[in-house]
PDBML (XML) file of the C-alpha atoms, coordinates in Angstrom:
<?xml version="1.0" encoding="UTF-8" ?>
<PDBx:datablock datablockName="MODEL"
   xmlns:PDBx="http://pdbml.pdb.org/schema/pdbx-v50.xsd"
   xmlns:xsi="http://www.w3.org/2001/XMLSchema-instance"
   xsi:schemaLocation="http://pdbml.pdb.org/schema/pdbx-v50.xsd pdbx-v50.xsd">
   <PDBx:atom_siteCategory>
      <PDBx:atom_site id="1">
         <PDBx:B_iso_or_equiv>0.00</PDBx:B_iso_or_equiv>
         <PDBx:Cartn_x>-7.869</PDBx:Cartn_x>
         <PDBx:Cartn_y>1.249</PDBx:Cartn_y>
         <PDBx:Cartn_z>10.820</PDBx:Cartn_z>
         <PDBx:auth_asym_id>A</PDBx:auth_asym_id>
         <PDBx:auth_atom_id>CA</PDBx:auth_atom_id>
         <PDBx:auth_comp_id>SER</PDBx:auth_comp_id>
         <PDBx:auth_seq_id>1</PDBx:auth_seq_id>
         <PDBx:group_PDB>ATOM</PDBx:group_PDB>
         <PDBx:label_alt_id xsi:nil="true" />
         <PDBx:label_asym_id>A</PDBx:label_asym_id>
         <PDBx:label_atom_id>CA</PDBx:label_atom_id>
         <PDBx:label_comp_id>SER</PDBx:label_comp_id>
         <PDBx:label_entity_id>1</PDBx:label_entity_id>
         <PDBx:label_seq_id>1</PDBx:label_seq_id>
         <PDBx:occupancy>1.00</PDBx:occupancy>
         <PDBx:pdbx_PDB_model_num>1</PDBx:pdbx_PDB_model_num>
         <PDBx:type_symbol>C</PDBx:type_symbol>
      </PDBx:atom_site>
      <PDBx:atom_site id="2">
         <PDBx:B_iso_or_equiv>0.00</PDBx:B_iso_or_equiv>
         <PDBx:Cartn_x>-7.417</PDBx:Cartn_x>
         <PDBx:Cartn_y>2.475</PDBx:Cartn_y>
         <PDBx:Cartn_z>7.260</PDBx:Cartn_z>
         <PDBx:auth_asym_id>A</PDBx:auth_asym_id>
         <PDBx:auth_atom_id>CA</PDBx:auth_atom_id>
         <PDBx:auth_comp_id>LEU</PDBx:auth_comp_id>
         <PDBx:auth_seq_id>2</PDBx:auth_seq_id>
         <PDBx:group_PDB>ATOM</PDBx:group_PDB>
         <PDBx:label_alt_id xsi:nil="true" />
         <PDBx:label_asym_id>A</PDBx:label_asym_id>
         <PDBx:label_atom_id>CA</PDBx:label_atom_id>
         <PDBx:label_comp_id>LEU</PDBx:label_comp_id>
         <PDBx:label_entity_id>1</PDBx:label_entity_id>
         <PDBx:label_seq_id>2</PDBx:label_seq_id>
         <PDBx:occupancy>1.00</PDBx:occupancy>
         <PDBx:pdbx_PDB_model_num>1</PDBx:pdbx_PDB_model_num>
         <PDBx:type_symbol>C</PDBx:type_symbol>
      </PDBx:atom_site>
      <PDBx:atom_site id="3">
         <PDBx:B_iso_or_equiv>0.00</PDBx:B_iso_or_equiv>
         <PDBx:Cartn_x>-8.725</PDBx:Cartn_x>
         <PDBx:Cartn_y>-0.770</PDBx:Cartn_y>
         <PDBx:Cartn_z>5.773</PDBx:Cartn_z>
         <PDBx:auth_asym_id>A</PDBx:auth_asym_id>
         <PDBx:auth_atom_id>CA</PDBx:auth_atom_id>
         <PDBx:auth_comp_id>GLY</PDBx:auth_comp_id>
         <PDBx:auth_seq_id>3</PDBx:auth_seq_id>
         <PDBx:group_PDB>ATOM</PDBx:group_PDB>
         <PDBx:label_alt_id xsi:nil="true" />
         <PDBx:label_asym_id>A</PDBx:label_asym_id>
         <PDBx:label_atom_id>CA</PDBx:label_atom_id>
         <PDBx:label_comp_id>GLY</PDBx:label_comp_id>
         <PDBx:label_entity_id>1</PDBx:label_entity_id>
         <PDBx:label_seq_id>3</PDBx:label_seq_id>
         <PDBx:occupancy>1.00</PDBx:occupancy>
         <PDBx:pdbx_PDB_model_num>1</PDBx:pdbx_PDB_model_num>
         <PDBx:type_symbol>C</PDBx:type_symbol>
      </PDBx:atom_site>
      <PDBx:atom_site id="4">
         <PDBx:B_iso_or_equiv>0.00</PDBx:B_iso_or_equiv>
         <PDBx:Cartn_x>-5.456</PDBx:Cartn_x>
         <PDBx:Cartn_y>-1.326</PDBx:Cartn_y>
         <PDBx:Cartn_z>3.902</PDBx:Cartn_z>
         <PDBx:auth_asym_id>A</PDBx:auth_asym_id>
         <PDBx:auth_atom_id>CA</PDBx:auth_atom_id>
         <PDBx:auth_comp_id>LEU</PDBx:auth_comp_id>
         <PDBx:auth_seq_id>4</PDBx:auth_seq_id>
         <PDBx:group_PDB>ATOM</PDBx:group_PDB>
         <PDBx:label_alt_id xsi:nil="true" />
         <PDBx:label_asym_id>A</PDBx:label_asym_id>
         <PDBx:label_atom_id>CA</PDBx:label_atom_id>
         <PDBx:label_comp_id>LEU</PDBx:label_comp_id>
         <PDBx:label_entity_id>1</PDBx:label_entity_id>
         <PDBx:label_seq_id>4</PDBx:label_seq_id>
         <PDBx:occupancy>1.00</PDBx:occupancy>
         <PDBx:pdbx_PDB_model_num>1</PDBx:pdbx_PDB_model_num>
         <PDBx:type_symbol>C</PDBx:type_symbol>
      </PDBx:atom_site>
      <PDBx:atom_site id="5">
         <PDBx:B_iso_or_equiv>0.00</PDBx:B_iso_or_equiv>
         <PDBx:Cartn_x>-4.013</PDBx:Cartn_x>
         <PDBx:Cartn_y>-4.747</PDBx:Cartn_y>
         <PDBx:Cartn_z>3.142</PDBx:Cartn_z>
         <PDBx:auth_asym_id>A</PDBx:auth_asym_id>
         <PDBx:auth_atom_id>CA</PDBx:auth_atom_id>
         <PDBx:auth_comp_id>SER</PDBx:auth_comp_id>
         <PDBx:auth_seq_id>5</PDBx:auth_seq_id>
         <PDBx:group_PDB>ATOM</PDBx:group_PDB>
         <PDBx:label_alt_id xsi:nil="true" />
         <PDBx:label_asym_id>A</PDBx:label_asym_id>
         <PDBx:label_atom_id>CA</PDBx:label_atom_id>
         <PDBx:label_comp_id>SER</PDBx:label_comp_id>
         <PDBx:label_entity_id>1</PDBx:label_entity_id>
         <PDBx:label_seq_id>5</PDBx:label_seq_id>
         <PDBx:occupancy>1.00</PDBx:occupancy>
         <PDBx:pdbx_PDB_model_num>1</PDBx:pdbx_PDB_model_num>
         <PDBx:type_symbol>C</PDBx:type_symbol>
      </PDBx:atom_site>
      <PDBx:atom_site id="6">
         <PDBx:B_iso_or_equiv>0.00</PDBx:B_iso_or_equiv>
         <PDBx:Cartn_x>-0.779</PDBx:Cartn_x>
         <PDBx:Cartn_y>-5.423</PDBx:Cartn_y>
         <PDBx:Cartn_z>4.988</PDBx:Cartn_z>
         <PDBx:auth_asym_id>A</PDBx:auth_asym_id>
         <PDBx:auth_atom_id>CA</PDBx:auth_atom_id>
         <PDBx:auth_comp_id>ARG</PDBx:auth_comp_id>
         <PDBx:auth_seq_id>6</PDBx:auth_seq_id>
         <PDBx:group_PDB>ATOM</PDBx:group_PDB>
         <PDBx:label_alt_id xsi:nil="true" />
         <PDBx:label_asym_id>A</PDBx:label_asym_id>
         <PDBx:label_atom_id>CA</PDBx:label_atom_id>
         <PDBx:label_comp_id>ARG</PDBx:label_comp_id>
         <PDBx:label_entity_id>1</PDBx:label_entity_id>
         <PDBx:label_seq_id>6</PDBx:label_seq_id>
         <PDBx:occupancy>1.00</PDBx:occupancy>
         <PDBx:pdbx_PDB_model_num>1</PDBx:pdbx_PDB_model_num>
         <PDBx:type_symbol>C</PDBx:type_symbol>
      </PDBx:atom_site>
      <PDBx:atom_site id="7">
         <PDBx:B_iso_or_equiv>0.00</PDBx:B_iso_or_equiv>
         <PDBx:Cartn_x>0.472</PDBx:Cartn_x>
         <PDBx:Cartn_y>-7.655</PDBx:Cartn_y>
         <PDBx:Cartn_z>2.155</PDBx:Cartn_z>
         <PDBx:auth_asym_id>A</PDBx:auth_asym_id>
         <PDBx:auth_atom_id>CA</PDBx:auth_atom_id>
         <PDBx:auth_comp_id>ALA</PDBx:auth_comp_id>
         <PDBx:auth_seq_id>7</PDBx:auth_seq_id>
         <PDBx:group_PDB>ATOM</PDBx:group_PDB>
         <PDBx:label_alt_id xsi:nil="true" />
         <PDBx:label_asym_id>A</PDBx:label_asym_id>
         <PDBx:label_atom_id>CA</PDBx:label_atom_id>
         <PDBx:label_comp_id>ALA</PDBx:label_comp_id>
         <PDBx:label_entity_id>1</PDBx:label_entity_id>
         <PDBx:label_seq_id>7</PDBx:label_seq_id>
         <PDBx:occupancy>1.00</PDBx:occupancy>
         <PDBx:pdbx_PDB_model_num>1</PDBx:pdbx_PDB_model_num>
         <PDBx:type_symbol>C</PDBx:type_symbol>
      </PDBx:atom_site>
      <PDBx:atom_site id="8">
         <PDBx:B_iso_or_equiv>0.00</PDBx:B_iso_or_equiv>
         <PDBx:Cartn_x>-0.283</PDBx:Cartn_x>
         <PDBx:Cartn_y>-5.053</PDBx:Cartn_y>
         <PDBx:Cartn_z>-0.521</PDBx:Cartn_z>
         <PDBx:auth_asym_id>A</PDBx:auth_asym_id>
         <PDBx:auth_atom_id>CA</PDBx:auth_atom_id>
         <PDBx:auth_comp_id>THR</PDBx:auth_comp_id>
         <PDBx:auth_seq_id>8</PDBx:auth_seq_id>
         <PDBx:group_PDB>ATOM</PDBx:group_PDB>
         <PDBx:label_alt_id xsi:nil="true" />
         <PDBx:label_asym_id>A</PDBx:label_asym_id>
         <PDBx:label_atom_id>CA</PDBx:label_atom_id>
         <PDBx:label_comp_id>THR</PDBx:label_comp_id>
         <PDBx:label_entity_id>1</PDBx:label_entity_id>
         <PDBx:label_seq_id>8</PDBx:label_seq_id>
         <PDBx:occupancy>1.00</PDBx:occupancy>
         <PDBx:pdbx_PDB_model_num>1</PDBx:pdbx_PDB_model_num>
         <PDBx:type_symbol>C</PDBx:type_symbol>
      </PDBx:atom_site>
      <PDBx:atom_site id="9">
         <PDBx:B_iso_or_equiv>0.00</PDBx:B_iso_or_equiv>
         <PDBx:Cartn_x>1.347</PDBx:Cartn_x>
         <PDBx:Cartn_y>-2.229</PDBx:Cartn_y>
         <PDBx:Cartn_z>1.409</PDBx:Cartn_z>
         <PDBx:auth_asym_id>A</PDBx:auth_asym_id>
         <PDBx:auth_atom_id>CA</PDBx:auth_atom_id>
         <PDBx:auth_comp_id>ILE</PDBx:auth_comp_id>
         <PDBx:auth_seq_id>9</PDBx:auth_seq_id>
         <PDBx:group_PDB>ATOM</PDBx:group_PDB>
         <PDBx:label_alt_id xsi:nil="true" />
         <PDBx:label_asym_id>A</PDBx:label_asym_id>
         <PDBx:label_atom_id>CA</PDBx:label_atom_id>
         <PDBx:label_comp_id>ILE</PDBx:label_comp_id>
         <PDBx:label_entity_id>1</PDBx:label_entity_id>
         <PDBx:label_seq_id>9</PDBx:label_seq_id>
         <PDBx:occupancy>1.00</PDBx:occupancy>
         <PDBx:pdbx_PDB_model_num>1</PDBx:pdbx_PDB_model_num>
         <PDBx:type_symbol>C</PDBx:type_symbol>
      </PDBx:atom_site>
      <PDBx:atom_site id="10">
         <PDBx:B_iso_or_equiv>0.00</PDBx:B_iso_or_equiv>
         <PDBx:Cartn_x>4.401</PDBx:Cartn_x>
         <PDBx:Cartn_y>-4.370</PDBx:Cartn_y>
         <PDBx:Cartn_z>2.238</PDBx:Cartn_z>
         <PDBx:auth_asym_id>A</PDBx:auth_asym_id>
         <PDBx:auth_atom_id>CA</PDBx:auth_atom_id>
         <PDBx:auth_comp_id>SER</PDBx:auth_comp_id>
         <PDBx:auth_seq_id>10</PDBx:auth_seq_id>
         <PDBx:group_PDB>ATOM</PDBx:group_PDB>
         <PDBx:label_alt_id xsi:nil="true" />
         <PDBx:label_asym_id>A</PDBx:label_asym_id>
         <PDBx:label_atom_id>CA</PDBx:label_atom_id>
         <PDBx:label_comp_id>SER</PDBx:label_comp_id>
         <PDBx:label_entity_id>1</PDBx:label_entity_id>
         <PDBx:label_seq_id>10</PDBx:label_seq_id>
         <PDBx:occupancy>1.00</PDBx:occupancy>
         <PDBx:pdbx_PDB_model_num>1</PDBx:pdbx_PDB_model_num>
         <PDBx:type_symbol>C</PDBx:type_symbol>
      </PDBx:atom_site>
      <PDBx:atom_site id="11">
         <PDBx:B_iso_or_equiv>0.00</PDBx:B_iso_or_equiv>
         <PDBx:Cartn_x>4.787</PDBx:Cartn_x>
         <PDBx:Cartn_y>-5.244</PDBx:Cartn_y>
         <PDBx:Cartn_z>-1.451</PDBx:Cartn_z>
         <PDBx:auth_asym_id>A</PDBx:auth_asym_id>
         <PDBx:auth_atom_id>CA</PDBx:auth_atom_id>
         <PDBx:auth_comp_id>ARG</PDBx:auth_comp_id>
         <PDBx:auth_seq_id>11</PDBx:auth_seq_id>
         <PDBx:group_PDB>ATOM</PDBx:group_PDB>
         <PDBx:label_alt_id xsi:nil="true" />
         <PDBx:label_asym_id>A</PDBx:label_asym_id>
         <PDBx:label_atom_id>CA</PDBx:label_atom_id>
         <PDBx:label_comp_id>ARG</PDBx:label_comp_id>
         <PDBx:label_entity_id>1</PDBx:label_entity_id>
         <PDBx:label_seq_id>11</PDBx:label_seq_id>
         <PDBx:occupancy>1.00</PDBx:occupancy>
         <PDBx:pdbx_PDB_model_num>1</PDBx:pdbx_PDB_model_num>
         <PDBx:type_symbol>C</PDBx:type_symbol>
      </PDBx:atom_site>
      <PDBx:atom_site id="12">
         <PDBx:B_iso_or_equiv>0.00</PDBx:B_iso_or_equiv>
         <PDBx:Cartn_x>4.497</PDBx:Cartn_x>
         <PDBx:Cartn_y>-1.588</PDBx:Cartn_y>
         <PDBx:Cartn_z>-2.458</PDBx:Cartn_z>
         <PDBx:auth_asym_id>A</PDBx:auth_asym_id>
         <PDBx:auth_atom_id>CA</PDBx:auth_atom_id>
         <PDBx:auth_comp_id>LYS</PDBx:auth_comp_id>
         <PDBx:auth_seq_id>12</PDBx:auth_seq_id>
         <PDBx:group_PDB>ATOM</PDBx:group_PDB>
         <PDBx:label_alt_id xsi:nil="true" />
         <PDBx:label_asym_id>A</PDBx:label_asym_id>
         <PDBx:label_atom_id>CA</PDBx:label_atom_id>
         <PDBx:label_comp_id>LYS</PDBx:label_comp_id>
         <PDBx:label_entity_id>1</PDBx:label_entity_id>
         <PDBx:label_seq_id>12</PDBx:label_seq_id>
         <PDBx:occupancy>1.00</PDBx:occupancy>
         <PDBx:pdbx_PDB_model_num>1</PDBx:pdbx_PDB_model_num>
         <PDBx:type_symbol>C</PDBx:type_symbol>
      </PDBx:atom_site>
      <PDBx:atom_site id="13">
         <PDBx:B_iso_or_equiv>0.00</PDBx:B_iso_or_equiv>
         <PDBx:Cartn_x>7.052</PDBx:Cartn_x>
         <PDBx:Cartn_y>-0.597</PDBx:Cartn_y>
         <PDBx:Cartn_z>0.190</PDBx:Cartn_z>
         <PDBx:auth_asym_id>A</PDBx:auth_asym_id>
         <PDBx:auth_atom_id>CA</PDBx:auth_atom_id>
         <PDBx:auth_comp_id>GLU</PDBx:auth_comp_id>
         <PDBx:auth_seq_id>13</PDBx:auth_seq_id>
         <PDBx:group_PDB>ATOM</PDBx:group_PDB>
         <PDBx:label_alt_id xsi:nil="true" />
         <PDBx:label_asym_id>A</PDBx:label_asym_id>
         <PDBx:label_atom_id>CA</PDBx:label_atom_id>
         <PDBx:label_comp_id>GLU</PDBx:label_comp_id>
         <PDBx:label_entity_id>1</PDBx:label_entity_id>
         <PDBx:label_seq_id>13</PDBx:label_seq_id>
         <PDBx:occupancy>1.00</PDBx:occupancy>
         <PDBx:pdbx_PDB_model_num>1</PDBx:pdbx_PDB_model_num>
         <PDBx:type_symbol>C</PDBx:type_symbol>
      </PDBx:atom_site>
      <PDBx:atom_site id="14">
         <PDBx:B_iso_or_equiv>0.00</PDBx:B_iso_or_equiv>
         <PDBx:Cartn_x>9.451</PDBx:Cartn_x>
         <PDBx:Cartn_y>-3.317</PDBx:Cartn_y>
         <PDBx:Cartn_z>-1.000</PDBx:Cartn_z>
         <PDBx:auth_asym_id>A</PDBx:auth_asym_id>
         <PDBx:auth_atom_id>CA</PDBx:auth_atom_id>
         <PDBx:auth_comp_id>LYS</PDBx:auth_comp_id>
         <PDBx:auth_seq_id>14</PDBx:auth_seq_id>
         <PDBx:group_PDB>ATOM</PDBx:group_PDB>
         <PDBx:label_alt_id xsi:nil="true" />
         <PDBx:label_asym_id>A</PDBx:label_asym_id>
         <PDBx:label_atom_id>CA</PDBx:label_atom_id>
         <PDBx:label_comp_id>LYS</PDBx:label_comp_id>
         <PDBx:label_entity_id>1</PDBx:label_entity_id>
         <PDBx:label_seq_id>14</PDBx:label_seq_id>
         <PDBx:occupancy>1.00</PDBx:occupancy>
         <PDBx:pdbx_PDB_model_num>1</PDBx:pdbx_PDB_model_num>
         <PDBx:type_symbol>C</PDBx:type_symbol>
      </PDBx:atom_site>
      <PDBx:atom_site id="15">
         <PDBx:B_iso_or_equiv>0.00</PDBx:B_iso_or_equiv>
         <PDBx:Cartn_x>8.997</PDBx:Cartn_x>
         <PDBx:Cartn_y>-2.307</PDBx:Cartn_y>
         <PDBx:Cartn_z>-4.643</PDBx:Cartn_z>
         <PDBx:auth_asym_id>A</PDBx:auth_asym_id>
         <PDBx:auth_atom_id>CA</PDBx:auth_atom_id>
         <PDBx:auth_comp_id>ASP</PDBx:auth_comp_id>
         <PDBx:auth_seq_id>15</PDBx:auth_seq_id>
         <PDBx:group_PDB>ATOM</PDBx:group_PDB>
         <PDBx:label_alt_id xsi:nil="true" />
         <PDBx:label_asym_id>A</PDBx:label_asym_id>
         <PDBx:label_atom_id>CA</PDBx:label_atom_id>
         <PDBx:label_comp_id>ASP</PDBx:label_comp_id>
         <PDBx:label_entity_id>1</PDBx:label_entity_id>
         <PDBx:label_seq_id>15</PDBx:label_seq_id>
         <PDBx:occupancy>1.00</PDBx:occupancy>
         <PDBx:pdbx_PDB_model_num>1</PDBx:pdbx_PDB_model_num>
         <PDBx:type_symbol>C</PDBx:type_symbol>
      </PDBx:atom_site>
      <PDBx:atom_site id="16">
         <PDBx:B_iso_or_equiv>0.00</PDBx:B_iso_or_equiv>
         <PDBx:Cartn_x>9.169</PDBx:Cartn_x>
         <PDBx:Cartn_y>1.424</PDBx:Cartn_y>
         <PDBx:Cartn_z>-3.763</PDBx:Cartn_z>
         <PDBx:auth_asym_id>A</PDBx:auth_asym_id>
         <PDBx:auth_atom_id>CA</PDBx:auth_atom_id>
         <PDBx:auth_comp_id>ALA</PDBx:auth_comp_id>
         <PDBx:auth_seq_id>16</PDBx:auth_seq_id>
         <PDBx:group_PDB>ATOM</PDBx:group_PDB>
         <PDBx:label_alt_id xsi:nil="true" />
         <PDBx:label_asym_id>A</PDBx:label_asym_id>
         <PDBx:label_atom_id>CA</PDBx:label_atom_id>
         <PDBx:label_comp_id>ALA</PDBx:label_comp_id>
         <PDBx:label_entity_id>1</PDBx:label_entity_id>
         <PDBx:label_seq_id>16</PDBx:label_seq_id>
         <PDBx:occupancy>1.00</PDBx:occupancy>
         <PDBx:pdbx_PDB_model_num>1</PDBx:pdbx_PDB_model_num>
         <PDBx:type_symbol>C</PDBx:type_symbol>
      </PDBx:atom_site>
      <PDBx:atom_site id="17">
         <PDBx:B_iso_or_equiv>0.00</PDBx:B_iso_or_equiv>
         <PDBx:Cartn_x>5.920</PDBx:Cartn_x>
         <PDBx:Cartn_y>2.079</PDBx:Cartn_y>
         <PDBx:Cartn_z>-5.616</PDBx:Cartn_z>
         <PDBx:auth_asym_id>A</PDBx:auth_asym_id>
         <PDBx:auth_atom_id>CA</PDBx:auth_atom_id>
         <PDBx:auth_comp_id>THR</PDBx:auth_comp_id>
         <PDBx:auth_seq_id>17</PDBx:auth_seq_id>
         <PDBx:group_PDB>ATOM</PDBx:group_PDB>
         <PDBx:label_alt_id xsi:nil="true" />
         <PDBx:label_asym_id>A</PDBx:label_asym_id>
         <PDBx:label_atom_id>CA</PDBx:label_atom_id>
         <PDBx:label_comp_id>THR</PDBx:label_comp_id>
         <PDBx:label_entity_id>1</PDBx:label_entity_id>
         <PDBx:label_seq_id>17</PDBx:label_seq_id>
         <PDBx:occupancy>1.00</PDBx:occupancy>
         <PDBx:pdbx_PDB_model_num>1</PDBx:pdbx_PDB_model_num>
         <PDBx:type_symbol>C</PDBx:type_symbol>
      </PDBx:atom_site>
      <PDBx:atom_site id="18">
         <PDBx:B_iso_or_equiv>0.00</PDBx:B_iso_or_equiv>
         <PDBx:Cartn_x>3.205</PDBx:Cartn_x>
         <PDBx:Cartn_y>4.634</PDBx:Cartn_y>
         <PDBx:Cartn_z>-5.064</PDBx:Cartn_z>
         <PDBx:auth_asym_id>A</PDBx:auth_asym_id>
         <PDBx:auth_atom_id>CA</PDBx:auth_atom_id>
         <PDBx:auth_comp_id>MET</PDBx:auth_comp_id>
         <PDBx:auth_seq_id>18</PDBx:auth_seq_id>
         <PDBx:group_PDB>ATOM</PDBx:group_PDB>
         <PDBx:label_alt_id xsi:nil="true" />
         <PDBx:label_asym_id>A</PDBx:label_asym_id>
         <PDBx:label_atom_id>CA</PDBx:label_atom_id>
         <PDBx:label_comp_id>MET</PDBx:label_comp_id>
         <PDBx:label_entity_id>1</PDBx:label_entity_id>
         <PDBx:label_seq_id>18</PDBx:label_seq_id>
         <PDBx:occupancy>1.00</PDBx:occupancy>
         <PDBx:pdbx_PDB_model_num>1</PDBx:pdbx_PDB_model_num>
         <PDBx:type_symbol>C</PDBx:type_symbol>
      </PDBx:atom_site>
      <PDBx:atom_site id="19">
         <PDBx:B_iso_or_equiv>0.00</PDBx:B_iso_or_equiv>
         <PDBx:Cartn_x>-0.055</PDBx:Cartn_x>
         <PDBx:Cartn_y>4.024</PDBx:Cartn_y>
         <PDBx:Cartn_z>-3.249</PDBx:Cartn_z>
         <PDBx:auth_asym_id>A</PDBx:auth_asym_id>
         <PDBx:auth_atom_id>CA</PDBx:auth_atom_id>
         <PDBx:auth_comp_id>LEU</PDBx:auth_comp_id>
         <PDBx:auth_seq_id>19</PDBx:auth_seq_id>
         <PDBx:group_PDB>ATOM</PDBx:group_PDB>
         <PDBx:label_alt_id xsi:nil="true" />
         <PDBx:label_asym_id>A</PDBx:label_asym_id>
         <PDBx:label_atom_id>CA</PDBx:label_atom_id>
         <PDBx:label_comp_id>LEU</PDBx:label_comp_id>
         <PDBx:label_entity_id>1</PDBx:label_entity_id>
         <PDBx:label_seq_id>19</PDBx:label_seq_id>
         <PDBx:occupancy>1.00</PDBx:occupancy>
         <PDBx:pdbx_PDB_model_num>1</PDBx:pdbx_PDB_model_num>
         <PDBx:type_symbol>C</PDBx:type_symbol>
      </PDBx:atom_site>
      <PDBx:atom_site id="20">
         <PDBx:B_iso_or_equiv>0.00</PDBx:B_iso_or_equiv>
         <PDBx:Cartn_x>-3.246</PDBx:Cartn_x>
         <PDBx:Cartn_y>4.105</PDBx:Cartn_y>
         <PDBx:Cartn_z>-5.289</PDBx:Cartn_z>
         <PDBx:auth_asym_id>A</PDBx:auth_asym_id>
         <PDBx:auth_atom_id>CA</PDBx:auth_atom_id>
         <PDBx:auth_comp_id>SER</PDBx:auth_comp_id>
         <PDBx:auth_seq_id>20</PDBx:auth_seq_id>
         <PDBx:group_PDB>ATOM</PDBx:group_PDB>
         <PDBx:label_alt_id xsi:nil="true" />
         <PDBx:label_asym_id>A</PDBx:label_asym_id>
         <PDBx:label_atom_id>CA</PDBx:label_atom_id>
         <PDBx:label_comp_id>SER</PDBx:label_comp_id>
         <PDBx:label_entity_id>1</PDBx:label_entity_id>
         <PDBx:label_seq_id>20</PDBx:label_seq_id>
         <PDBx:occupancy>1.00</PDBx:occupancy>
         <PDBx:pdbx_PDB_model_num>1</PDBx:pdbx_PDB_model_num>
         <PDBx:type_symbol>C</PDBx:type_symbol>
      </PDBx:atom_site>
      <PDBx:atom_site id="21">
         <PDBx:B_iso_or_equiv>0.00</PDBx:B_iso_or_equiv>
         <PDBx:Cartn_x>-5.518</PDBx:Cartn_x>
         <PDBx:Cartn_y>7.156</PDBx:Cartn_y>
         <PDBx:Cartn_z>-5.143</PDBx:Cartn_z>
         <PDBx:auth_asym_id>A</PDBx:auth_asym_id>
         <PDBx:auth_atom_id>CA</PDBx:auth_atom_id>
         <PDBx:auth_comp_id>LYS</PDBx:auth_comp_id>
         <PDBx:auth_seq_id>21</PDBx:auth_seq_id>
         <PDBx:group_PDB>ATOM</PDBx:group_PDB>
         <PDBx:label_alt_id xsi:nil="true" />
         <PDBx:label_asym_id>A</PDBx:label_asym_id>
         <PDBx:label_atom_id>CA</PDBx:label_atom_id>
         <PDBx:label_comp_id>LYS</PDBx:label_comp_id>
         <PDBx:label_entity_id>1</PDBx:label_entity_id>
         <PDBx:label_seq_id>21</PDBx:label_seq_id>
         <PDBx:occupancy>1.00</PDBx:occupancy>
         <PDBx:pdbx_PDB_model_num>1</PDBx:pdbx_PDB_model_num>
         <PDBx:type_symbol>C</PDBx:type_symbol>
      </PDBx:atom_site>
      <PDBx:atom_site id="22">
         <PDBx:B_iso_or_equiv>0.00</PDBx:B_iso_or_equiv>
         <PDBx:Cartn_x>-7.781</PDBx:Cartn_x>
         <PDBx:Cartn_y>5.432</PDBx:Cartn_y>
         <PDBx:Cartn_z>-2.630</PDBx:Cartn_z>
         <PDBx:auth_asym_id>A</PDBx:auth_asym_id>
         <PDBx:auth_atom_id>CA</PDBx:auth_atom_id>
         <PDBx:auth_comp_id>ASP</PDBx:auth_comp_id>
         <PDBx:auth_seq_id>22</PDBx:auth_seq_id>
         <PDBx:group_PDB>ATOM</PDBx:group_PDB>
         <PDBx:label_alt_id xsi:nil="true" />
         <PDBx:label_asym_id>A</PDBx:label_asym_id>
         <PDBx:label_atom_id>CA</PDBx:label_atom_id>
         <PDBx:label_comp_id>ASP</PDBx:label_comp_id>
         <PDBx:label_entity_id>1</PDBx:label_entity_id>
         <PDBx:label_seq_id>22</PDBx:label_seq_id>
         <PDBx:occupancy>1.00</PDBx:occupancy>
         <PDBx:pdbx_PDB_model_num>1</PDBx:pdbx_PDB_model_num>
         <PDBx:type_symbol>C</PDBx:type_symbol>
      </PDBx:atom_site>
      <PDBx:atom_site id="23">
         <PDBx:B_iso_or_equiv>0.00</PDBx:B_iso_or_equiv>
         <PDBx:Cartn_x>-4.896</PDBx:Cartn_x>
         <PDBx:Cartn_y>4.306</PDBx:Cartn_y>
         <PDBx:Cartn_z>-0.422</PDBx:Cartn_z>
         <PDBx:auth_asym_id>A</PDBx:auth_asym_id>
         <PDBx:auth_atom_id>CA</PDBx:auth_atom_id>
         <PDBx:auth_comp_id>GLU</PDBx:auth_comp_id>
         <PDBx:auth_seq_id>23</PDBx:auth_seq_id>
         <PDBx:group_PDB>ATOM</PDBx:group_PDB>
         <PDBx:label_alt_id xsi:nil="true" />
         <PDBx:label_asym_id>A</PDBx:label_asym_id>
         <PDBx:label_atom_id>CA</PDBx:label_atom_id>
         <PDBx:label_comp_id>GLU</PDBx:label_comp_id>
         <PDBx:label_entity_id>1</PDBx:label_entity_id>
         <PDBx:label_seq_id>23</PDBx:label_seq_id>
         <PDBx:occupancy>1.00</PDBx:occupancy>
         <PDBx:pdbx_PDB_model_num>1</PDBx:pdbx_PDB_model_num>
         <PDBx:type_symbol>C</PDBx:type_symbol>
      </PDBx:atom_site>
      <PDBx:atom_site id="24">
         <PDBx:B_iso_or_equiv>0.00</PDBx:B_iso_or_equiv>
         <PDBx:Cartn_x>-3.260</PDBx:Cartn_x>
         <PDBx:Cartn_y>7.742</PDBx:Cartn_y>
         <PDBx:Cartn_z>-0.629</PDBx:Cartn_z>
         <PDBx:auth_asym_id>A</PDBx:auth_asym_id>
         <PDBx:auth_atom_id>CA</PDBx:auth_atom_id>
         <PDBx:auth_comp_id>SER</PDBx:auth_comp_id>
         <PDBx:auth_seq_id>24</PDBx:auth_seq_id>
         <PDBx:group_PDB>ATOM</PDBx:group_PDB>
         <PDBx:label_alt_id xsi:nil="true" />
         <PDBx:label_asym_id>A</PDBx:label_asym_id>
         <PDBx:label_atom_id>CA</PDBx:label_atom_id>
         <PDBx:label_comp_id>SER</PDBx:label_comp_id>
         <PDBx:label_entity_id>1</PDBx:label_entity_id>
         <PDBx:label_seq_id>24</PDBx:label_seq_id>
         <PDBx:occupancy>1.00</PDBx:occupancy>
         <PDBx:pdbx_PDB_model_num>1</PDBx:pdbx_PDB_model_num>
         <PDBx:type_symbol>C</PDBx:type_symbol>
      </PDBx:atom_site>
   </PDBx:atom_siteCategory>
</PDBx:datablock>
C-alpha cells in the first residue's frame, strides 16, 4: 500500500538502519 520494497525494508530492519525521508 505504501509502495515500499519488501527487500529494502527487510534489509533496513536487519541492519537496524533508518528509513529514508520518503519512506518515513
